[in-house]
Amino acid sequence: MPTEAEGRDLKAQVERLARALEENRIAEYVSLQQNAGRLIYLNFLAGVARGLGMAVGFTLVGALVIYALRRMVSIPVIGTFIAQIVDIVTTQLGRQ
């Protein structure tokens, strides 16, 4: 049989554990895991947000790359190389 001091220590530990679980919102997480519809909905929204973020990011990076390439067209070697690439792409698109 536990002594009174051990009982107080055990009660204090249980209270600390309960406080930690409350602070970490474990109950909300468990209820979310049990509600499949809400979990699917939240994961779908997260996926849409990630996809939109990647699309916007790729668009911005692509625009910066194109801008940089256009600025370098004035350099003869790179300008000629880019012109050849554009000719090849145009030829390939014309054949299809």
PDB file of N, CA and C in Angstrom:
ATOM      1  N   MET A   1       0.838  -1.168   0.000  1.00  0.00           N
ATOM      2  CA  MET A   1       0.000   0.000   0.000  1.00  0.00           C
ATOM      3  C   MET A   1       0.891   1.241   0.000  1.00  0.00           C
ATOM      4  N   PRO A   2       0.583   2.208  -0.927  1.00  0.00           N
ATOM      5  CA  PRO A   2       1.431   3.392  -1.013  1.00  0.00           C
ATOM      6  C   PRO A   2       1.267   4.296   0.206  1.00  0.00           C
ATOM      7  N   THR A   3       2.355   4.950   0.522  1.00  0.00           N
ATOM      8  CA  THR A   3       2.312   5.894   1.642  1.00  0.00           C
ATOM      9  C   THR A   3       1.658   7.185   1.191  1.00  0.00           C
ATOM     10  N   GLU A   4       1.392   8.045   2.151  1.00  0.00           N
ATOM     11  CA  GLU A   4       0.739   9.316   1.829  1.00  0.00           C
ATOM     12  C   GLU A   4       1.632  10.178   0.934  1.00  0.00           C
ATOM     13  N   ALA A   5       2.930  10.162   1.164  1.00  0.00           N
ATOM     14  CA  ALA A   5       3.875  10.943   0.350  1.00  0.00           C
ATOM     15  C   ALA A   5       3.906  10.411  -1.076  1.00  0.00           C
ATOM     16  N   GLU A   6       3.910   9.099  -1.205  1.00  0.00           N
ATOM     17  CA  GLU A   6       3.903   8.512  -2.551  1.00  0.00           C
ATOM     18  C   GLU A   6       2.611   8.855  -3.281  1.00  0.00           C
ATOM     19  N   GLY A   7       1.496   8.851  -2.547  1.00  0.00           N
ATOM     20  CA  GLY A   7       0.204   9.209  -3.133  1.00  0.00           C
ATOM     21  C   GLY A   7       0.194  10.641  -3.639  1.00  0.00           C
ATOM     22  N   ARG A   8       0.775  11.556  -2.857  1.00  0.00           N
ATOM     23  CA  ARG A   8       0.857  12.965  -3.294  1.00  0.00           C
ATOM     24  C   ARG A   8       1.733  13.099  -4.528  1.00  0.00           C
ATOM     25  N   ASP A   9       2.870  12.372  -4.544  1.00  0.00           N
ATOM     26  CA  ASP A   9       3.767  12.420  -5.708  1.00  0.00           C
ATOM     27  C   ASP A   9       3.069  11.876  -6.954  1.00  0.00           C
ATOM     28  N   LEU A  10       2.345  10.780  -6.773  1.00  0.00           N
ATOM     29  CA  LEU A  10       1.618  10.191  -7.896  1.00  0.00           C
ATOM     30  C   LEU A  10       0.545  11.143  -8.408  1.00  0.00           C
ATOM     31  N   LYS A  11      -0.166  11.778  -7.481  1.00  0.00           N
ATOM     32  CA  LYS A  11      -1.206  12.737  -7.865  1.00  0.00           C
ATOM     33  C   LYS A  11      -0.584  13.925  -8.606  1.00  0.00           C
ATOM     34  N   ALA A  12       0.561  14.408  -8.144  1.00  0.00           N
ATOM     35  CA  ALA A  12       1.238  15.527  -8.803  1.00  0.00           C
ATOM     36  C   ALA A  12       1.686  15.132 -10.209  1.00  0.00           C
ATOM     37  N   GLN A  13       2.191  13.917 -10.356  1.00  0.00           N
ATOM     38  CA  GLN A  13       2.620  13.456 -11.680  1.00  0.00           C
ATOM     39  C   GLN A  13       1.434  13.334 -12.631  1.00  0.00           C
ATOM     40  N   VAL A  14       0.327  12.813 -12.149  1.00  0.00           N
ATOM     41  CA  VAL A  14      -0.875  12.692 -12.972  1.00  0.00           C
ATOM     42  C   VAL A  14      -1.373  14.071 -13.387  1.00  0.00           C
ATOM     43  N   GLU A  15      -1.339  15.024 -12.482  1.00  0.00           N
ATOM     44  CA  GLU A  15      -1.766  16.385 -12.810  1.00  0.00           C
ATOM     45  C   GLU A  15      -0.847  17.010 -13.859  1.00  0.00           C
ATOM     46  N   ARG A  16       0.474  16.780 -13.722  1.00  0.00           N
ATOM     47  CA  ARG A  16       1.419  17.299 -14.728  1.00  0.00           C
ATOM     48  C   ARG A  16       1.159  16.668 -16.092  1.00  0.00           C
ATOM     49  N   LEU A  17       0.900  15.373 -16.102  1.00  0.00           N
ATOM     50  CA  LEU A  17       0.605  14.680 -17.350  1.00  0.00           C
ATOM     51  C   LEU A  17      -0.678  15.207 -17.975  1.00  0.00           C
ATOM     52  N   ALA A  18      -1.706  15.394 -17.152  1.00  0.00           N
ATOM     53  CA  ALA A  18      -2.975  15.927 -17.654  1.00  0.00           C
ATOM     54  C   ALA A  18      -2.786  17.329 -18.220  1.00  0.00           C
ATOM     55  N   ARG A  19      -1.990  18.164 -17.557  1.00  0.00           N
ATOM     56  CA  ARG A  19      -1.723  19.515 -18.034  1.00  0.00           C
ATOM     57  C   ARG A  19      -0.959  19.478 -19.363  1.00  0.00           C
ATOM     58  N   ALA A  20       0.015  18.572 -19.457  1.00  0.00           N
ATOM     59  CA  ALA A  20       0.798  18.459 -20.696  1.00  0.00           C
ATOM     60  C   ALA A  20      -0.080  18.001 -21.855  1.00  0.00           C
ATOM     61  N   LEU A  21      -0.961  17.043 -21.603  1.00  0.00           N
ATOM     62  CA  LEU A  21      -1.878  16.585 -22.651  1.00  0.00           C
ATOM     63  C   LEU A  21      -2.815  17.706 -23.069  1.00  0.00           C
ATOM     64  N   GLU A  22      -3.283  18.465 -22.118  1.00  0.00           N
ATOM     65  CA  GLU A  22      -4.171  19.582 -22.414  1.00  0.00           C
ATOM     66  C   GLU A  22      -3.451  20.647 -23.245  1.00  0.00           C
ATOM     67  N   GLU A  23      -2.217  20.964 -22.878  1.00  0.00           N
ATOM     68  CA  GLU A  23      -1.445  21.976 -23.604  1.00  0.00           C
ATOM     69  C   GLU A  23      -1.151  21.528 -25.031  1.00  0.00           C
ATOM     70  N   ASN A  24      -0.932  20.250 -25.237  1.00  0.00           N
ATOM     71  CA  ASN A  24      -0.627  19.734 -26.576  1.00  0.00           C
ATOM     72  C   ASN A  24      -1.875  19.412 -27.381  1.00  0.00           C
ATOM     73  N   ARG A  25      -3.036  19.635 -26.810  1.00  0.00           N
ATOM     74  CA  ARG A  25      -4.318  19.445 -27.478  1.00  0.00           C
ATOM     75  C   ARG A  25      -4.455  18.031 -28.048  1.00  0.00           C
ATOM     76  N   ILE A  26      -4.083  17.062 -27.267  1.00  0.00           N
ATOM     77  CA  ILE A  26      -4.155  15.668 -27.677  1.00  0.00           C
ATOM     78  C   ILE A  26      -5.602  15.247 -27.927  1.00  0.00           C
ATOM     79  N   ALA A  27      -6.532  15.733 -27.107  1.00  0.00           N
ATOM     80  CA  ALA A  27      -7.944  15.358 -27.273  1.00  0.00           C
ATOM     81  C   ALA A  27      -8.471  15.806 -28.632  1.00  0.00           C
ATOM     82  N   GLU A  28      -8.105  17.013 -29.061  1.00  0.00           N
ATOM     83  CA  GLU A  28      -8.535  17.503 -30.372  1.00  0.00           C
ATOM     84  C   GLU A  28      -7.938  16.657 -31.487  1.00  0.00           C
ATOM     85  N   TYR A  29      -6.686  16.273 -31.338  1.00  0.00           N
ATOM     86  CA  TYR A  29      -6.029  15.444 -32.340  1.00  0.00           C
ATOM     87  C   TYR A  29      -6.708  14.076 -32.441  1.00  0.00           C
ATOM     88  N   VAL A  30      -7.024  13.481 -31.311  1.00  0.00           N
ATOM     89  CA  VAL A  30      -7.678  12.169 -31.316  1.00  0.00           C
ATOM     90  C   VAL A  30      -9.069  12.279 -31.944  1.00  0.00           C
ATOM     91  N   SER A  31      -9.811  13.315 -31.611  1.00  0.00           N
ATOM     92  CA  SER A  31     -11.143  13.478 -32.204  1.00  0.00           C
ATOM     93  C   SER A  31     -11.046  13.715 -33.712  1.00  0.00           C
ATOM     94  N   LEU A  32     -10.029  14.412 -34.156  1.00  0.00           N
ATOM     95  CA  LEU A  32      -9.827  14.621 -35.589  1.00  0.00           C
ATOM     96  C   LEU A  32      -9.513  13.295 -36.279  1.00  0.00           C
ATOM     97  N   GLN A  33      -8.704  12.463 -35.661  1.00  0.00           N
ATOM     98  CA  GLN A  33      -8.376  11.162 -36.236  1.00  0.00           C
ATOM     99  C   GLN A  33      -9.608  10.270 -36.324  1.00  0.00           C
ATOM    100  N   GLN A  34     -10.561  10.448 -35.442  1.00  0.00           N
ATOM    101  CA  GLN A  34     -11.759   9.620 -35.448  1.00  0.00           C
ATOM    102  C   GLN A  34     -12.806  10.129 -36.427  1.00  0.00           C
ATOM    103  N   ASN A  35     -12.703  11.372 -36.866  1.00  0.00           N
ATOM    104  CA  ASN A  35     -13.657  11.946 -37.810  1.00  0.00           C
ATOM    105  C   ASN A  35     -13.027  11.927 -39.206  1.00  0.00           C
ATOM    106  N   ALA A  36     -13.276  10.856 -39.958  1.00  0.00           N
ATOM    107  CA  ALA A  36     -12.616  10.662 -41.252  1.00  0.00           C
ATOM    108  C   ALA A  36     -12.978  11.747 -42.265  1.00  0.00           C
ATOM    109  N   GLY A  37     -14.227  12.184 -42.275  1.00  0.00           N
ATOM    110  CA  GLY A  37     -14.649  13.205 -43.237  1.00  0.00           C
ATOM    111  C   GLY A  37     -13.897  14.511 -43.044  1.00  0.00           C
ATOM    112  N   ARG A  38     -13.784  14.950 -41.821  1.00  0.00           N
ATOM    113  CA  ARG A  38     -13.067  16.207 -41.528  1.00  0.00           C
ATOM    114  C   ARG A  38     -11.580  16.060 -41.841  1.00  0.00           C
ATOM    115  N   LEU A  39     -11.018  14.900 -41.536  1.00  0.00           N
ATOM    116  CA  LEU A  39      -9.597  14.662 -41.817  1.00  0.00           C
ATOM    117  C   LEU A  39      -9.330  14.718 -43.317  1.00  0.00           C
ATOM    118  N   ILE A  40     -10.193  14.099 -44.108  1.00  0.00           N
ATOM    119  CA  ILE A  40     -10.035  14.137 -45.572  1.00  0.00           C
ATOM    120  C   ILE A  40     -10.174  15.563 -46.079  1.00  0.00           C
ATOM    121  N   TYR A  41     -11.161  16.290 -45.560  1.00  0.00           N
ATOM    122  CA  TYR A  41     -11.376  17.674 -45.976  1.00  0.00           C
ATOM    123  C   TYR A  41     -10.159  18.547 -45.675  1.00  0.00           C
ATOM    124  N   LEU A  42      -9.616  18.428 -44.465  1.00  0.00           N
ATOM    125  CA  LEU A  42      -8.451  19.240 -44.089  1.00  0.00           C
ATOM    126  C   LEU A  42      -7.223  18.870 -44.909  1.00  0.00           C
ATOM    127  N   ASN A  43      -7.026  17.575 -45.159  1.00  0.00           N
ATOM    128  CA  ASN A  43      -5.896  17.167 -45.990  1.00  0.00           C
ATOM    129  C   ASN A  43      -6.055  17.629 -47.429  1.00  0.00           C
ATOM    130  N   PHE A  44      -7.297  17.632 -47.934  1.00  0.00           N
ATOM    131  CA  PHE A  44      -7.545  18.140 -49.285  1.00  0.00           C
ATOM    132  C   PHE A  44      -7.200  19.620 -49.374  1.00  0.00           C
ATOM    133  N   LEU A  45      -7.657  20.400 -48.382  1.00  0.00           N
ATOM    134  CA  LEU A  45      -7.340  21.836 -48.383  1.00  0.00           C
ATOM    135  C   LEU A  45      -5.835  22.074 -48.297  1.00  0.00           C
ATOM    136  N   ALA A  46      -5.149  21.275 -47.472  1.00  0.00           N
ATOM    137  CA  ALA A  46      -3.693  21.425 -47.366  1.00  0.00           C
ATOM    138  C   ALA A  46      -3.022  21.107 -48.699  1.00  0.00           C
ATOM    139  N   GLY A  47      -3.501  20.083 -49.385  1.00  0.00           N
ATOM    140  CA  GLY A  47      -2.939  19.732 -50.692  1.00  0.00           C
ATOM    141  C   GLY A  47      -3.170  20.821 -51.733  1.00  0.00           C
ATOM    142  N   VAL A  48      -4.362  21.401 -51.728  1.00  0.00           N
ATOM    143  CA  VAL A  48      -4.659  22.494 -52.668  1.00  0.00           C
ATOM    144  C   VAL A  48      -3.753  23.683 -52.385  1.00  0.00           C
ATOM    145  N   ALA A  49      -3.565  23.998 -51.119  1.00  0.00           N
ATOM    146  CA  ALA A  49      -2.703  25.131 -50.755  1.00  0.00           C
ATOM    147  C   ALA A  49      -1.258  24.874 -51.188  1.00  0.00           C
ATOM    148  N   ARG A  50      -0.766  23.641 -50.979  1.00  0.00           N
ATOM    149  CA  ARG A  50       0.599  23.322 -51.414  1.00  0.00           C
ATOM    150  C   ARG A  50       0.727  23.424 -52.928  1.00  0.00           C
ATOM    151  N   GLY A  51      -0.257  22.873 -53.647  1.00  0.00           N
ATOM    152  CA  GLY A  51      -0.216  22.923 -55.110  1.00  0.00           C
ATOM    153  C   GLY A  51      -0.259  24.344 -55.631  1.00  0.00           C
ATOM    154  N   LEU A  52      -1.101  25.164 -55.044  1.00  0.00           N
ATOM    155  CA  LEU A  52      -1.187  26.562 -55.454  1.00  0.00           C
ATOM    156  C   LEU A  52       0.124  27.293 -55.162  1.00  0.00           C
ATOM    157  N   GLY A  53       0.697  27.003 -54.013  1.00  0.00           N
ATOM    158  CA  GLY A  53       1.977  27.626 -53.662  1.00  0.00           C
ATOM    159  C   GLY A  53       3.085  27.228 -54.625  1.00  0.00           C
ATOM    160  N   MET A  54       3.114  25.945 -55.004  1.00  0.00           N
ATOM    161  CA  MET A  54       4.133  25.508 -55.969  1.00  0.00           C
ATOM    162  C   MET A  54       3.917  26.153 -57.331  1.00  0.00           C
ATOM    163  N   ALA A  55       2.656  26.253 -57.747  1.00  0.00           N
ATOM    164  CA  ALA A  55       2.370  26.859 -59.054  1.00  0.00           C
ATOM    165  C   ALA A  55       2.800  28.324 -59.084  1.00  0.00           C
ATOM    166  N   VAL A  56       2.456  29.054 -58.033  1.00  0.00           N
ATOM    167  CA  VAL A  56       2.841  30.470 -57.969  1.00  0.00           C
ATOM    168  C   VAL A  56       4.359  30.602 -57.891  1.00  0.00           C
ATOM    169  N   GLY A  57       4.987  29.769 -57.081  1.00  0.00           N
ATOM    170  CA  GLY A  57       6.447  29.816 -56.958  1.00  0.00           C
ATOM    171  C   GLY A  57       7.140  29.496 -58.275  1.00  0.00           C
ATOM    172  N   PHE A  58       6.675  28.456 -58.969  1.00  0.00           N
ATOM    173  CA  PHE A  58       7.275  28.096 -60.247  1.00  0.00           C
ATOM    174  C   PHE A  58       7.079  29.206 -61.270  1.00  0.00           C
ATOM    175  N   THR A  59       5.913  29.832 -61.244  1.00  0.00           N
ATOM    176  CA  THR A  59       5.650  30.932 -62.172  1.00  0.00           C
ATOM    177  C   THR A  59       6.609  32.090 -61.925  1.00  0.00           C
ATOM    178  N   LEU A  60       6.805  32.447 -60.674  1.00  0.00           N
ATOM    179  CA  LEU A  60       7.716  33.553 -60.356  1.00  0.00           C
ATOM    180  C   LEU A  60       9.165  33.223 -60.741  1.00  0.00           C
ATOM    181  N   VAL A  61       9.600  32.007 -60.391  1.00  0.00           N
ATOM    182  CA  VAL A  61      10.977  31.616 -60.734  1.00  0.00           C
ATOM    183  C   VAL A  61      11.142  31.548 -62.249  1.00  0.00           C
ATOM    184  N   GLY A  62      10.149  30.978 -62.934  1.00  0.00           N
ATOM    185  CA  GLY A  62      10.210  30.914 -64.398  1.00  0.00           C
ATOM    186  C   GLY A  62      10.269  32.302 -65.025  1.00  0.00           C
ATOM    187  N   ALA A  63       9.474  33.229 -64.500  1.00  0.00           N
ATOM    188  CA  ALA A  63       9.492  34.595 -65.022  1.00  0.00           C
ATOM    189  C   ALA A  63      10.861  35.246 -64.806  1.00  0.00           C
ATOM    190  N   LEU A  64      11.457  35.004 -63.649  1.00  0.00           N
ATOM    191  CA  LEU A  64      12.788  35.558 -63.392  1.00  0.00           C
ATOM    192  C   LEU A  64      13.834  34.954 -64.334  1.00  0.00           C
ATOM    193  N   VAL A  65      13.727  33.661 -64.589  1.00  0.00           N
ATOM    194  CA  VAL A  65      14.676  33.014 -65.511  1.00  0.00           C
ATOM    195  C   VAL A  65      14.507  33.576 -66.923  1.00  0.00           C
ATOM    196  N   ILE A  66      13.275  33.710 -67.360  1.00  0.00           N
ATOM    197  CA  ILE A  66      13.032  34.263 -68.705  1.00  0.00           C
ATOM    198  C   ILE A  66      13.523  35.704 -68.777  1.00  0.00           C
ATOM    199  N   TYR A  67      13.282  36.468 -67.732  1.00  0.00           N
ATOM    200  CA  TYR A  67      13.756  37.854 -67.713  1.00  0.00           C
ATOM    201  C   TYR A  67      15.281  37.891 -67.804  1.00  0.00           C
ATOM    202  N   ALA A  68      15.939  37.033 -67.042  1.00  0.00           N
ATOM    203  CA  ALA A  68      17.405  36.995 -67.069  1.00  0.00           C
ATOM    204  C   ALA A  68      17.905  36.565 -68.446  1.00  0.00           C
ATOM    205  N   LEU A  69      17.249  35.597 -69.044  1.00  0.00           N
ATOM    206  CA  LEU A  69      17.670  35.154 -70.387  1.00  0.00           C
ATOM    207  C   LEU A  69      17.471  36.254 -71.420  1.00  0.00           C
ATOM    208  N   ARG A  70      16.391  36.986 -71.311  1.00  0.00           N
ATOM    209  CA  ARG A  70      16.176  38.091 -72.253  1.00  0.00           C
ATOM    210  C   ARG A  70      17.238  39.184 -72.103  1.00  0.00           C
ATOM    211  N   ARG A  71      17.661  39.405 -70.878  1.00  0.00           N
ATOM    212  CA  ARG A  71      18.721  40.402 -70.659  1.00  0.00           C
ATOM    213  C   ARG A  71      20.041  39.926 -71.241  1.00  0.00           C
ATOM    214  N   MET A  72      20.255  38.606 -71.277  1.00  0.00           N
ATOM    215  CA  MET A  72      21.504  38.061 -71.787  1.00  0.00           C
ATOM    216  C   MET A  72      21.498  37.891 -73.304  1.00  0.00           C
ATOM    217  N   VAL A  73      20.373  38.119 -73.957  1.00  0.00           N
ATOM    218  CA  VAL A  73      20.309  37.976 -75.412  1.00  0.00           C
ATOM    219  C   VAL A  73      21.261  38.945 -76.086  1.00  0.00           C
ATOM    220  N   SER A  74      21.541  40.047 -75.452  1.00  0.00           N
ATOM    221  CA  SER A  74      22.450  41.017 -76.035  1.00  0.00           C
ATOM    222  C   SER A  74      23.887  40.486 -76.103  1.00  0.00           C
ATOM    223  N   ILE A  75      24.210  39.472 -75.334  1.00  0.00           N
ATOM    224  CA  ILE A  75      25.535  38.847 -75.410  1.00  0.00           C
ATOM    225  C   ILE A  75      25.524  37.925 -76.627  1.00  0.00           C
ATOM    226  N   PRO A  76      26.422  38.108 -77.584  1.00  0.00           N
ATOM    227  CA  PRO A  76      26.348  37.399 -78.865  1.00  0.00           C
ATOM    228  C   PRO A  76      26.331  35.872 -78.753  1.00  0.00           C
ATOM    229  N   VAL A  77      27.187  35.283 -77.946  1.00  0.00           N
ATOM    230  CA  VAL A  77      27.260  33.823 -77.882  1.00  0.00           C
ATOM    231  C   VAL A  77      25.975  33.245 -77.302  1.00  0.00           C
ATOM    232  N   ILE A  78      25.533  33.802 -76.199  1.00  0.00           N
ATOM    233  CA  ILE A  78      24.323  33.294 -75.554  1.00  0.00           C
ATOM    234  C   ILE A  78      23.102  33.616 -76.411  1.00  0.00           C
ATOM    235  N   GLY A  79      23.066  34.788 -77.011  1.00  0.00           N
ATOM    236  CA  GLY A  79      21.956  35.168 -77.874  1.00  0.00           C
ATOM    237  C   GLY A  79      21.816  34.230 -79.056  1.00  0.00           C
ATOM    238  N   THR A  80      22.904  33.854 -79.650  1.00  0.00           N
ATOM    239  CA  THR A  80      22.882  32.921 -80.778  1.00  0.00           C
ATOM    240  C   THR A  80      22.397  31.552 -80.324  1.00  0.00           C
ATOM    241  N   PHE A  81      22.881  31.107 -79.167  1.00  0.00           N
ATOM    242  CA  PHE A  81      22.472  29.816 -78.623  1.00  0.00           C
ATOM    243  C   PHE A  81      20.973  29.785 -78.342  1.00  0.00           C
ATOM    244  N   ILE A  82      20.453  30.860 -77.738  1.00  0.00           N
ATOM    245  CA  ILE A  82      19.024  30.931 -77.448  1.00  0.00           C
ATOM    246  C   ILE A  82      18.221  30.993 -78.738  1.00  0.00           C
ATOM    247  N   ALA A  83      18.706  31.711 -79.724  1.00  0.00           N
ATOM    248  CA  ALA A  83      18.019  31.784 -81.008  1.00  0.00           C
ATOM    249  C   ALA A  83      17.943  30.403 -81.657  1.00  0.00           C
ATOM    250  N   GLN A  84      19.011  29.621 -81.561  1.00  0.00           N
ATOM    251  CA  GLN A  84      18.991  28.260 -82.112  1.00  0.00           C
ATOM    252  C   GLN A  84      17.958  27.399 -81.389  1.00  0.00           C
ATOM    253  N   ILE A  85      17.894  27.534 -80.082  1.00  0.00           N
ATOM    254  CA  ILE A  85      16.900  26.765 -79.318  1.00  0.00           C
ATOM    255  C   ILE A  85      15.490  27.160 -79.741  1.00  0.00           C
ATOM    256  N   VAL A  86      15.243  28.451 -79.904  1.00  0.00           N
ATOM    257  CA  VAL A  86      13.924  28.915 -80.327  1.00  0.00           C
ATOM    258  C   VAL A  86      13.599  28.376 -81.716  1.00  0.00           C
ATOM    259  N   ASP A  87      14.573  28.367 -82.634  1.00  0.00           N
ATOM    260  CA  ASP A  87      14.350  27.823 -83.977  1.00  0.00           C
ATOM    261  C   ASP A  87      14.006  26.332 -83.928  1.00  0.00           C
ATOM    262  N   ILE A  88      14.720  25.581 -83.095  1.00  0.00           N
ATOM    263  CA  ILE A  88      14.459  24.145 -82.973  1.00  0.00           C
ATOM    264  C   ILE A  88      13.058  23.899 -82.430  1.00  0.00           C
ATOM    265  N   VAL A  89      12.686  24.635 -81.422  1.00  0.00           N
ATOM    266  CA  VAL A  89      11.356  24.468 -80.822  1.00  0.00           C
ATOM    267  C   VAL A  89      10.282  24.855 -81.838  1.00  0.00           C
ATOM    268  N   THR A  90      10.463  25.945 -82.535  1.00  0.00           N
ATOM    269  CA  THR A  90       9.492  26.378 -83.528  1.00  0.00           C
ATOM    270  C   THR A  90       9.348  25.344 -84.636  1.00  0.00           C
ATOM    271  N   THR A  91      10.452  24.785 -85.088  1.00  0.00           N
ATOM    272  CA  THR A  91      10.425  23.753 -86.128  1.00  0.00           C
ATOM    273  C   THR A  91       9.665  22.516 -85.639  1.00  0.00           C
ATOM    274  N   GLN A  92       9.948  22.086 -84.412  1.00  0.00           N
ATOM    275  CA  GLN A  92       9.281  20.904 -83.853  1.00  0.00           C
ATOM    276  C   GLN A  92       7.777  21.147 -83.676  1.00  0.00           C
ATOM    277  N   LEU A  93       7.407  22.337 -83.257  1.00  0.00           N
ATOM    278  CA  LEU A  93       5.978  22.646 -83.099  1.00  0.00           C
ATOM    279  C   LEU A  93       5.276  22.711 -84.441  1.00  0.00           C
ATOM    280  N   GLY A  94       5.963  23.166 -85.475  1.00  0.00           N
ATOM    281  CA  GLY A  94       5.384  23.242 -86.807  1.00  0.00           C
ATOM    282  C   GLY A  94       5.126  21.878 -87.416  1.00  0.00           C
ATOM    283  N   ARG A  95       5.911  20.893 -87.071  1.00  0.00           N
ATOM    284  CA  ARG A  95       5.757  19.531 -87.617  1.00  0.00           C
ATOM    285  C   ARG A  95       4.599  18.778 -87.001  1.00  0.00           C
ATOM    286  N   GLN A  96       4.199  19.157 -85.818  1.00  0.00           N
ATOM    287  CA  GLN A  96       3.138  18.396 -85.132  1.00  0.00           C
ATOM    288  C   GLN A  96       1.776  18.876 -85.500  1.00  0.00           C
TER     289      GLN A  96
END
